[in-house]
Amino acid sequence: MKYSVLIIDDEEKLRSLLKRIISLEGYAVYDAADIAHGMQLIAAQEIDVVLCDVKLPDGNGVDTVRRLKDKYPCTEVILLTAYGNIPDGIQAMKNGALDYLVKGDDNDKIIPLLSRAVEKVTLQKKVALLEGQLQTKHGFGSITGDSPAIAAAINLAKKVAPSDTPVLLTGETGTGKEVFANAIHYNSSRSMQPFVAFNCSALSKDIMESELFGHKAGAFTGAAKDKKGLVEEARGGTLFLDEIGELPVELQPKLLRFLEAGTYYRVGDATERTANVRLIAATNRDLQKEIADGHFRSDLYYRIAVFGITLPSLRERVQDIATIATQYLTLYADKTNKKIRTIQKDALHCLQTYNWPGNVRELKNVIERAVILEDSEHLTLTNLPYELQNAVMHQDSQAMDMATMEKQHIQKVLAYTNGNKAEAARLLNIGIATLYRKIDEYK
């Protein structure tokens, strides 16, 4: 990879000399006589390192450092001056300059300093790339769909993400609660800290307490050494408790105490510990009913439900099904090296008509299975699960029966009024335009 350097200096001879020296080291070098021209070049080219004079015809290099770093944070800036000036040097470093060199005295330091600058640029670009990949994988862009129902949920999540407010995600199984939790975390100030997920329905009460808060060696049979809990693993980041409605009642006071005070005890340990985490919880249960039945503490509920977001079921966002299905189709076709890129009309109708009790998770599994079975370049109805096809056929037949009944009823009313459409519309309690549309629809 060839790195690029921009020299901004009003001394033409010095620019030419530096350009020749730096070019011999394998860099792509650009030059400008003033700040305005330099800013135009950096806007047009990807510049890795800027060598900038302090005193320029149209501005001060020390002030320019801040402008450059604000707009191009991955670009490193080295300042050059004819006279050593300690206050300028200090301010330049505060503004984000990598270093501050005196012309003539420090010429032998330029190439080693450029190498150091390039190393830093490379590292910053890798970090930026990883952050971008995390955003693509876990950010709000990973949530597919633009229906009003999902857009409303995303909008709420975006508003709460920057804060440390606890969030309670509710909705049916498979609606993407963990996807939302990830997106909230990766759009918060804690994004570079751990995101730790735990399913509260997965373990027994005793093991669950140890998983959440850790244990001391000898606390119970099999506890051979000290173990960190998930609250400690998530320190500084986000703890996601899925299916929190199934958290044992005995553990709820301990979780409440941790959320209120930030303190906890490992199982079998008398030492109080602290951890600063943000909580995101999720459930498919009606927690108000669980409270009424004595299965969930009301004080814990009000602590975790400061900001609630209800995720819509897939049947509430039918217009998103085609987009989601196509996204998974492309994913699994690429994984299996198949050239399937489209969904046939009857297959898409089947996907859009089905009730989807398992929501997005069920749709994902259906598409994966269908791609494995499909041998053509289109996803066909025959490779969708039989139970899905049968359910849709039953729904369609019911709809057809209703349409037949409606058609027969309109025919009888028209016969009764001897074809008087205005009178028929009055008796049917519908508008005359609606009656004409129905007559046309039923031919």
Protein backbone atom coordinates (compact mmCIF):
# COMPACT_ATOMS: atom_id res chain seq x y z
CA MET A 1 0.00 0.00 0.00
CA LYS A 2 1.35 3.43 -0.98
CA TYR A 3 0.80 6.11 1.67
CA SER A 4 0.24 9.74 0.75
CA VAL A 5 1.80 12.91 2.18
CA LEU A 6 0.67 16.50 1.69
CA ILE A 7 3.19 19.36 2.17
CA ILE A 8 1.68 22.79 2.90
CA ASP A 9 4.38 25.49 2.83
CA ASP A 10 4.72 28.85 1.07
CA GLU A 11 8.47 28.36 0.42
CA GLU A 12 8.61 26.78 -3.03
CA LYS A 13 12.24 25.60 -2.75
CA LEU A 14 11.58 23.86 0.56
CA ARG A 15 8.45 22.19 -0.83
CA SER A 16 10.38 20.88 -3.83
CA LEU A 17 13.22 19.59 -1.62
CA LEU A 18 10.86 17.83 0.80
CA LYS A 19 8.80 16.43 -2.06
CA ARG A 20 11.90 14.87 -3.65
CA ILE A 21 13.21 13.43 -0.35
CA ILE A 22 9.86 11.97 0.69
CA SER A 23 9.08 10.61 -2.81
CA LEU A 24 12.34 8.62 -2.72
CA GLU A 25 10.96 6.81 0.35
CA GLY A 26 8.03 5.50 -1.70
CA TYR A 27 5.33 7.95 -0.63
CA ALA A 28 2.86 9.64 -2.96
CA VAL A 29 3.51 13.35 -2.35
CA TYR A 30 1.28 16.37 -2.96
CA ASP A 31 2.09 20.01 -2.20
CA ALA A 32 0.30 23.32 -1.69
CA ALA A 33 1.48 26.89 -1.07
CA ASP A 34 -1.35 27.84 1.28
CA ILE A 35 -4.04 26.40 3.55
CA ALA A 36 -6.91 26.92 1.08
CA HIS A 37 -5.18 24.93 -1.69
CA GLY A 38 -4.11 22.31 0.85
CA MET A 39 -7.69 21.83 2.09
CA GLN A 40 -8.85 21.42 -1.52
CA LEU A 41 -6.25 18.72 -2.11
CA ILE A 42 -7.09 16.80 1.06
CA ALA A 43 -10.78 16.93 0.14
CA ALA A 44 -9.99 15.44 -3.29
CA GLN A 45 -7.31 12.92 -2.27
CA GLU A 46 -7.00 10.46 0.60
CA ILE A 47 -4.10 12.01 2.51
CA ASP A 48 -2.45 10.04 5.32
CA VAL A 49 0.05 12.61 6.66
CA VAL A 50 0.17 16.41 6.39
CA LEU A 51 3.42 18.37 6.82
CA CYS A 52 2.23 21.92 7.50
CA ASP A 53 4.12 25.16 8.02
CA VAL A 54 3.04 27.28 11.00
CA LYS A 55 3.08 30.70 9.30
CA LEU A 56 1.20 30.70 6.01
CA PRO A 57 -0.23 33.51 3.84
CA ASP A 58 -3.85 32.67 4.64
CA GLY A 59 -3.69 31.35 8.18
CA ASN A 60 -1.85 29.69 11.04
CA GLY A 61 -0.76 26.04 10.93
CA VAL A 62 -1.46 25.55 14.65
CA ASP A 63 -5.12 26.45 14.13
CA THR A 64 -5.25 24.37 10.94
CA VAL A 65 -4.35 21.24 12.92
CA ARG A 66 -7.68 21.36 14.74
CA ARG A 67 -9.61 21.85 11.47
CA LEU A 68 -7.84 18.90 9.86
CA LYS A 69 -8.26 16.55 12.84
CA ASP A 70 -11.93 17.45 13.25
CA LYS A 71 -12.68 16.70 9.61
CA TYR A 72 -10.14 13.91 8.94
CA PRO A 73 -9.46 12.17 12.30
CA CYS A 74 -7.36 9.39 10.73
CA THR A 75 -4.94 11.87 9.10
CA GLU A 76 -1.79 12.70 11.07
CA VAL A 77 -0.39 16.25 11.09
CA ILE A 78 3.24 17.30 11.62
CA LEU A 79 3.94 21.03 11.98
CA LEU A 80 7.01 22.75 10.55
CA THR A 81 8.33 26.16 11.62
CA ALA A 82 11.38 28.29 10.92
CA TYR A 83 11.72 29.17 14.59
CA GLY A 84 11.30 26.99 17.67
CA ASN A 85 8.35 28.25 19.71
CA ILE A 86 7.44 26.21 22.80
CA PRO A 87 3.93 27.68 23.35
CA ASP A 88 3.04 27.02 19.69
CA GLY A 89 4.40 23.49 20.03
CA ILE A 90 2.31 22.80 23.12
CA GLN A 91 -0.84 24.19 21.52
CA ALA A 92 -0.22 22.23 18.31
CA MET A 93 0.00 18.97 20.30
CA LYS A 94 -3.19 19.88 22.18
CA ASN A 95 -4.91 20.47 18.84
CA GLY A 96 -3.95 16.97 17.72
CA ALA A 97 -0.58 17.34 15.95
CA LEU A 98 1.67 14.28 16.03
CA ASP A 99 4.83 16.38 16.43
CA TYR A 100 6.38 19.82 15.91
CA LEU A 101 9.66 20.19 13.96
CA VAL A 102 12.03 23.11 13.41
CA LYS A 103 13.07 23.57 9.75
CA GLY A 104 16.74 22.95 9.15
CA ASP A 105 17.47 21.66 12.66
CA ASP A 106 15.19 18.62 12.47
CA ASN A 107 15.41 17.59 8.78
CA ASP A 108 16.91 14.22 9.69
CA LYS A 109 13.86 13.50 11.86
CA ILE A 110 11.29 13.90 9.08
CA ILE A 111 11.50 10.41 7.52
CA PRO A 112 11.48 8.49 10.87
CA LEU A 113 8.59 10.69 12.00
CA LEU A 114 6.68 9.97 8.78
CA SER A 115 7.15 6.24 9.42
CA ARG A 116 5.72 6.67 12.93
CA ALA A 117 2.83 8.71 11.56
CA VAL A 118 2.03 6.04 8.95
CA GLU A 119 2.03 3.32 11.65
CA LYS A 120 -0.47 5.35 13.63
CA VAL A 121 -2.61 5.99 10.53
CA THR A 122 -2.64 2.25 9.74
CA LEU A 123 -3.78 1.41 13.26
CA GLN A 124 -6.49 4.11 13.20
CA LYS A 125 -7.79 2.84 9.86
CA LYS A 126 -7.98 -0.72 11.21
CA VAL A 127 -9.90 0.49 14.26
CA ALA A 128 -12.25 2.54 12.04
CA LEU A 129 -12.78 -0.49 9.79
CA LEU A 130 -13.60 -2.71 12.78
CA GLU A 131 -15.97 -0.09 14.17
CA GLY A 132 -17.66 0.14 10.77
CA GLN A 133 -17.99 -3.65 10.60
CA LEU A 134 -19.50 -3.69 14.09
CA GLN A 135 -21.99 -1.01 13.06
CA THR A 136 -22.88 -2.96 9.91
CA LYS A 137 -23.30 -6.20 11.86
CA HIS A 138 -24.85 -4.89 15.06
CA GLY A 139 -26.02 -1.30 14.41
CA PHE A 140 -29.49 -0.11 13.47
CA GLY A 141 -28.58 -0.70 9.82
CA SER A 142 -28.71 -4.44 10.56
CA ILE A 143 -32.47 -4.19 11.26
CA THR A 144 -34.27 -4.80 7.97
CA GLY A 145 -37.57 -3.17 7.11
CA ASP A 146 -39.20 0.22 6.68
CA SER A 147 -42.79 -0.47 7.75
CA PRO A 148 -44.27 2.08 10.18
CA ALA A 149 -44.29 -0.50 13.01
CA ILE A 150 -40.56 -1.32 12.85
CA ALA A 151 -39.62 2.29 12.05
CA ALA A 152 -41.34 3.44 15.26
CA ALA A 153 -39.44 0.86 17.34
CA ILE A 154 -36.11 1.83 15.72
CA ASN A 155 -36.80 5.52 16.34
CA LEU A 156 -37.38 4.88 20.06
CA ALA A 157 -34.23 2.74 20.28
CA LYS A 158 -32.13 5.44 18.60
CA LYS A 159 -33.38 8.02 21.09
CA VAL A 160 -32.54 5.95 24.17
CA ALA A 161 -29.24 4.48 22.88
CA PRO A 162 -26.92 7.40 23.85
CA SER A 163 -28.11 7.39 27.48
CA ASP A 164 -27.44 4.88 30.26
CA THR A 165 -31.17 4.40 30.89
CA PRO A 166 -32.28 0.77 31.43
CA VAL A 167 -34.34 -0.55 28.51
CA LEU A 168 -37.04 -3.24 28.52
CA LEU A 169 -37.69 -4.86 25.13
CA THR A 170 -40.99 -6.71 24.87
CA GLY A 171 -42.48 -8.71 22.04
CA GLU A 172 -43.15 -12.20 20.78
CA THR A 173 -40.42 -14.81 20.42
CA GLY A 174 -38.32 -14.26 17.30
CA THR A 175 -39.03 -10.55 16.84
CA GLY A 176 -35.34 -9.61 17.16
CA LYS A 177 -34.97 -8.43 20.75
CA GLU A 178 -31.27 -9.31 20.95
CA VAL A 179 -30.68 -7.57 17.59
CA PHE A 180 -32.20 -4.41 19.07
CA ALA A 181 -30.18 -4.78 22.27
CA ASN A 182 -26.97 -5.01 20.21
CA ALA A 183 -27.94 -1.96 18.15
CA ILE A 184 -28.63 0.10 21.29
CA HIS A 185 -25.28 -0.94 22.78
CA TYR A 186 -23.25 -0.21 19.64
CA ASN A 187 -24.82 3.24 19.34
CA SER A 188 -24.04 4.17 22.94
CA SER A 189 -20.96 5.61 24.63
CA ARG A 190 -20.26 2.05 25.84
CA SER A 191 -19.89 0.67 22.32
CA MET A 192 -16.20 -0.20 22.71
CA GLN A 193 -16.87 -2.00 26.00
CA PRO A 194 -18.28 -5.54 26.39
CA PHE A 195 -21.79 -6.57 25.39
CA VAL A 196 -22.65 -9.60 27.52
CA ALA A 197 -25.87 -11.55 26.86
CA PHE A 198 -27.50 -14.06 29.22
CA ASN A 199 -30.71 -16.08 28.84
CA CYS A 200 -32.52 -16.24 32.17
CA SER A 201 -34.45 -19.38 31.19
CA ALA A 202 -31.37 -21.45 30.42
CA LEU A 203 -30.16 -22.51 33.88
CA SER A 204 -31.34 -23.53 37.35
CA LYS A 205 -31.53 -20.93 40.14
CA ASP A 206 -28.29 -21.99 41.88
CA ILE A 207 -26.20 -22.09 38.70
CA MET A 208 -27.81 -18.87 37.46
CA GLU A 209 -26.70 -16.91 40.52
CA SER A 210 -23.13 -18.12 40.02
CA GLU A 211 -23.27 -17.18 36.31
CA LEU A 212 -24.57 -13.70 37.05
CA PHE A 213 -22.48 -12.77 40.08
CA GLY A 214 -19.63 -15.32 40.11
CA HIS A 215 -18.55 -17.54 42.98
CA LYS A 216 -15.71 -18.11 45.43
CA ALA A 217 -13.68 -21.32 45.35
CA GLY A 218 -15.33 -23.92 47.60
CA ALA A 219 -18.72 -22.15 47.59
CA PHE A 220 -20.38 -25.37 46.39
CA THR A 221 -19.46 -28.80 45.05
CA GLY A 222 -17.46 -28.37 41.87
CA ALA A 223 -16.41 -24.78 42.58
CA ALA A 224 -12.68 -25.52 42.38
CA LYS A 225 -11.58 -21.90 41.84
CA ASP A 226 -12.88 -18.35 41.94
CA LYS A 227 -15.09 -17.42 38.99
CA LYS A 228 -16.10 -14.04 37.62
CA GLY A 229 -19.78 -13.41 37.02
CA LEU A 230 -21.35 -11.87 33.94
CA VAL A 231 -21.88 -8.53 35.71
CA GLU A 232 -18.11 -8.39 36.17
CA GLU A 233 -17.47 -9.45 32.57
CA ALA A 234 -19.77 -6.65 31.41
CA ARG A 235 -18.10 -3.97 33.55
CA GLY A 236 -18.19 -0.64 31.69
CA GLY A 237 -20.44 -2.11 29.00
CA THR A 238 -23.93 -3.56 28.62
CA LEU A 239 -25.55 -6.57 30.28
CA PHE A 240 -28.42 -8.02 28.23
CA LEU A 241 -30.79 -10.25 30.21
CA ASP A 242 -33.02 -12.13 27.79
CA GLU A 243 -36.26 -13.74 29.02
CA ILE A 244 -36.03 -11.80 32.29
CA GLY A 245 -39.61 -12.83 33.06
CA GLU A 246 -38.22 -16.28 33.89
CA LEU A 247 -35.68 -15.01 36.42
CA PRO A 248 -36.28 -16.98 39.68
CA VAL A 249 -38.06 -14.95 42.35
CA GLU A 250 -35.22 -15.72 44.81
CA LEU A 251 -32.69 -13.99 42.54
CA GLN A 252 -34.77 -10.92 41.82
CA PRO A 253 -33.87 -9.01 45.05
CA LYS A 254 -30.14 -9.55 44.35
CA LEU A 255 -30.49 -8.22 40.82
CA LEU A 256 -32.52 -5.26 42.11
CA ARG A 257 -29.85 -4.44 44.70
CA PHE A 258 -27.15 -4.56 42.03
CA LEU A 259 -29.12 -2.28 39.71
CA GLU A 260 -29.81 0.25 42.46
CA ALA A 261 -26.44 0.29 44.21
CA GLY A 262 -24.04 -1.17 41.63
CA THR A 263 -22.83 -3.65 44.26
CA TYR A 264 -23.00 -7.44 44.50
CA TYR A 265 -21.46 -10.49 46.19
CA ARG A 266 -20.04 -13.57 44.58
CA VAL A 267 -21.66 -16.78 45.78
CA GLY A 268 -19.92 -17.86 49.01
CA ASP A 269 -17.94 -14.61 49.31
CA ALA A 270 -18.32 -11.87 51.95
CA THR A 271 -16.47 -9.24 49.90
CA GLU A 272 -18.71 -6.61 48.37
CA ARG A 273 -17.86 -5.84 44.75
CA THR A 274 -18.92 -3.10 42.35
CA ALA A 275 -19.54 -2.96 38.61
CA ASN A 276 -20.88 -0.20 36.38
CA VAL A 277 -23.05 -1.73 33.66
CA ARG A 278 -26.05 -0.69 31.62
CA LEU A 279 -28.95 -3.12 31.70
CA ILE A 280 -31.09 -4.06 28.71
CA ALA A 281 -33.73 -6.68 29.47
CA ALA A 282 -36.13 -8.55 27.20
CA THR A 283 -39.18 -10.74 27.63
CA ASN A 284 -42.06 -12.28 25.69
CA ARG A 285 -44.16 -12.45 28.86
CA ASP A 286 -46.68 -9.99 30.23
CA LEU A 287 -44.73 -8.82 33.28
CA GLN A 288 -47.75 -6.99 34.72
CA LYS A 289 -49.57 -10.32 34.82
CA GLU A 290 -46.48 -12.00 36.28
CA ILE A 291 -46.50 -9.37 39.05
CA ALA A 292 -50.21 -10.01 39.73
CA ASP A 293 -49.52 -13.76 39.91
CA GLY A 294 -46.63 -13.21 42.34
CA HIS A 295 -43.92 -14.37 39.93
CA PHE A 296 -42.19 -11.03 39.41
CA ARG A 297 -41.37 -8.20 41.80
CA SER A 298 -43.02 -4.89 41.02
CA ASP A 299 -40.01 -2.89 42.31
CA LEU A 300 -37.69 -4.78 39.95
CA TYR A 301 -40.13 -4.22 37.09
CA TYR A 302 -40.16 -0.46 37.61
CA ARG A 303 -36.35 -0.49 37.81
CA ILE A 304 -35.85 -2.29 34.50
CA ALA A 305 -38.81 -0.77 32.60
CA VAL A 306 -37.68 2.85 32.72
CA PHE A 307 -37.80 2.91 28.92
CA GLY A 308 -39.94 0.27 27.22
CA ILE A 309 -39.92 -0.66 23.54
CA THR A 310 -42.42 -3.14 22.10
CA LEU A 311 -41.16 -4.91 18.99
CA PRO A 312 -43.83 -5.66 16.35
CA SER A 313 -44.59 -9.18 15.21
CA LEU A 314 -43.87 -10.09 11.60
CA ARG A 315 -47.60 -10.20 10.78
CA GLU A 316 -47.78 -6.53 11.85
CA ARG A 317 -45.17 -5.64 9.24
CA VAL A 318 -46.16 -7.74 6.21
CA GLN A 319 -44.68 -5.17 3.83
CA ASP A 320 -41.20 -6.01 5.20
CA ILE A 321 -41.44 -9.75 4.52
CA ALA A 322 -40.24 -9.56 0.89
CA THR A 323 -37.17 -7.49 1.88
CA ILE A 324 -36.28 -9.71 4.84
CA ALA A 325 -36.80 -12.91 2.87
CA THR A 326 -34.64 -11.63 -0.02
CA GLN A 327 -31.89 -10.61 2.42
CA TYR A 328 -31.76 -14.13 3.90
CA LEU A 329 -32.06 -15.65 0.42
CA THR A 330 -28.91 -13.80 -0.69
CA LEU A 331 -27.09 -14.73 2.54
CA TYR A 332 -27.76 -18.47 2.33
CA ALA A 333 -27.37 -18.64 -1.45
CA ASP A 334 -23.88 -17.17 -1.08
CA LYS A 335 -23.06 -19.58 1.76
CA THR A 336 -24.13 -22.58 -0.31
CA ASN A 337 -22.64 -21.26 -3.60
CA LYS A 338 -26.04 -21.19 -5.31
CA LYS A 339 -27.21 -18.61 -7.85
CA ILE A 340 -30.68 -18.13 -6.36
CA ARG A 341 -31.51 -14.43 -6.34
CA THR A 342 -35.29 -14.10 -6.68
CA ILE A 343 -38.45 -15.52 -5.10
CA GLN A 344 -41.22 -16.68 -7.42
CA LYS A 345 -44.53 -14.82 -7.13
CA ASP A 346 -46.55 -17.71 -5.68
CA ALA A 347 -43.81 -18.46 -3.14
CA LEU A 348 -43.68 -14.80 -2.09
CA HIS A 349 -47.48 -14.75 -1.77
CA CYS A 350 -47.20 -17.77 0.52
CA LEU A 351 -44.54 -16.03 2.67
CA GLN A 352 -46.61 -12.84 2.90
CA THR A 353 -49.86 -14.65 3.75
CA TYR A 354 -48.53 -17.01 6.43
CA ASN A 355 -49.13 -16.02 10.07
CA TRP A 356 -45.48 -16.46 11.27
CA PRO A 357 -45.90 -17.45 14.92
CA GLY A 358 -42.08 -17.68 15.16
CA ASN A 359 -41.66 -14.25 13.52
CA VAL A 360 -38.35 -13.24 11.85
CA ARG A 361 -36.49 -16.20 13.36
CA GLU A 362 -38.96 -18.63 11.77
CA LEU A 363 -38.75 -16.83 8.41
CA LYS A 364 -34.96 -17.03 8.53
CA ASN A 365 -35.08 -20.80 9.15
CA VAL A 366 -37.66 -21.33 6.37
CA ILE A 367 -35.50 -19.49 3.82
CA GLU A 368 -32.34 -21.37 4.85
CA ARG A 369 -34.10 -24.72 4.42
CA ALA A 370 -35.65 -23.69 1.08
CA VAL A 371 -32.28 -22.54 -0.32
CA ILE A 372 -30.71 -25.91 0.55
CA LEU A 373 -33.51 -27.72 -1.32
CA GLU A 374 -33.75 -25.37 -4.31
CA ASP A 375 -32.01 -26.41 -7.55
CA SER A 376 -33.21 -23.59 -9.83
CA GLU A 377 -32.26 -19.90 -9.92
CA HIS A 378 -35.54 -18.91 -8.24
CA LEU A 379 -36.95 -19.85 -4.85
CA THR A 380 -40.08 -21.86 -5.64
CA LEU A 381 -43.24 -22.64 -3.69
CA THR A 382 -42.58 -26.39 -3.74
CA ASN A 383 -39.50 -25.99 -1.55
CA LEU A 384 -41.30 -24.11 1.22
CA PRO A 385 -42.39 -26.30 4.17
CA TYR A 386 -45.65 -28.24 3.58
CA GLU A 387 -47.20 -26.99 6.81
CA LEU A 388 -46.63 -23.39 5.66
CA GLN A 389 -48.18 -24.10 2.24
CA ASN A 390 -51.17 -25.87 3.83
CA ALA A 391 -51.79 -23.04 6.30
CA VAL A 392 -51.79 -20.48 3.50
CA MET A 393 -54.06 -22.64 1.29
CA HIS A 394 -56.55 -22.86 4.20
CA GLN A 395 -56.46 -19.07 4.70
CA ASP A 396 -56.87 -18.45 0.97
CA SER A 397 -59.81 -20.88 0.76
CA GLN A 398 -61.49 -19.12 3.70
CA ALA A 399 -61.00 -15.78 1.96
CA MET A 400 -62.42 -17.23 -1.25
CA ASP A 401 -65.46 -18.57 0.64
CA MET A 402 -66.10 -15.11 2.11
CA ALA A 403 -65.78 -13.54 -1.33
CA THR A 404 -68.25 -16.07 -2.77
CA MET A 405 -70.75 -15.34 -0.02
CA GLU A 406 -70.40 -11.59 -0.58
CA LYS A 407 -70.88 -11.99 -4.33
CA GLN A 408 -74.04 -14.08 -3.87
CA HIS A 409 -75.46 -11.57 -1.38
CA ILE A 410 -74.94 -8.62 -3.76
CA GLN A 411 -76.54 -10.63 -6.59
CA LYS A 412 -79.64 -11.31 -4.47
CA VAL A 413 -79.99 -7.65 -3.46
CA LEU A 414 -79.62 -6.48 -7.07
CA ALA A 415 -82.24 -9.02 -8.14
CA TYR A 416 -84.56 -7.76 -5.38
CA THR A 417 -84.18 -4.12 -6.57
CA ASN A 418 -84.56 -5.15 -10.23
CA GLY A 419 -81.04 -3.83 -10.96
CA ASN A 420 -81.53 -0.45 -9.22
CA LYS A 421 -77.98 0.14 -8.04
CA ALA A 422 -78.71 3.19 -5.90
CA GLU A 423 -81.39 1.26 -3.96
CA ALA A 424 -79.13 -1.81 -3.73
CA ALA A 425 -76.28 0.31 -2.29
CA ARG A 426 -78.71 1.74 0.30
CA LEU A 427 -79.87 -1.72 1.36
CA LEU A 428 -76.29 -3.02 1.48
CA ASN A 429 -75.28 0.07 3.53
CA ILE A 430 -72.35 0.84 1.22
CA GLY A 431 -71.53 3.75 -1.09
CA ILE A 432 -72.64 3.63 -4.71
CA ALA A 433 -68.98 3.82 -5.82
CA THR A 434 -68.17 0.79 -3.63
CA LEU A 435 -71.05 -1.15 -5.20
CA TYR A 436 -69.83 -0.38 -8.73
CA ARG A 437 -66.33 -1.52 -7.69
CA LYS A 438 -67.72 -4.79 -6.29
CA ILE A 439 -69.80 -5.39 -9.45
CA ASP A 440 -66.64 -4.91 -11.54
CA GLU A 441 -64.52 -7.03 -9.15
CA TYR A 442 -66.94 -9.97 -9.26
CA LYS A 443 -67.53 -9.51 -13.03
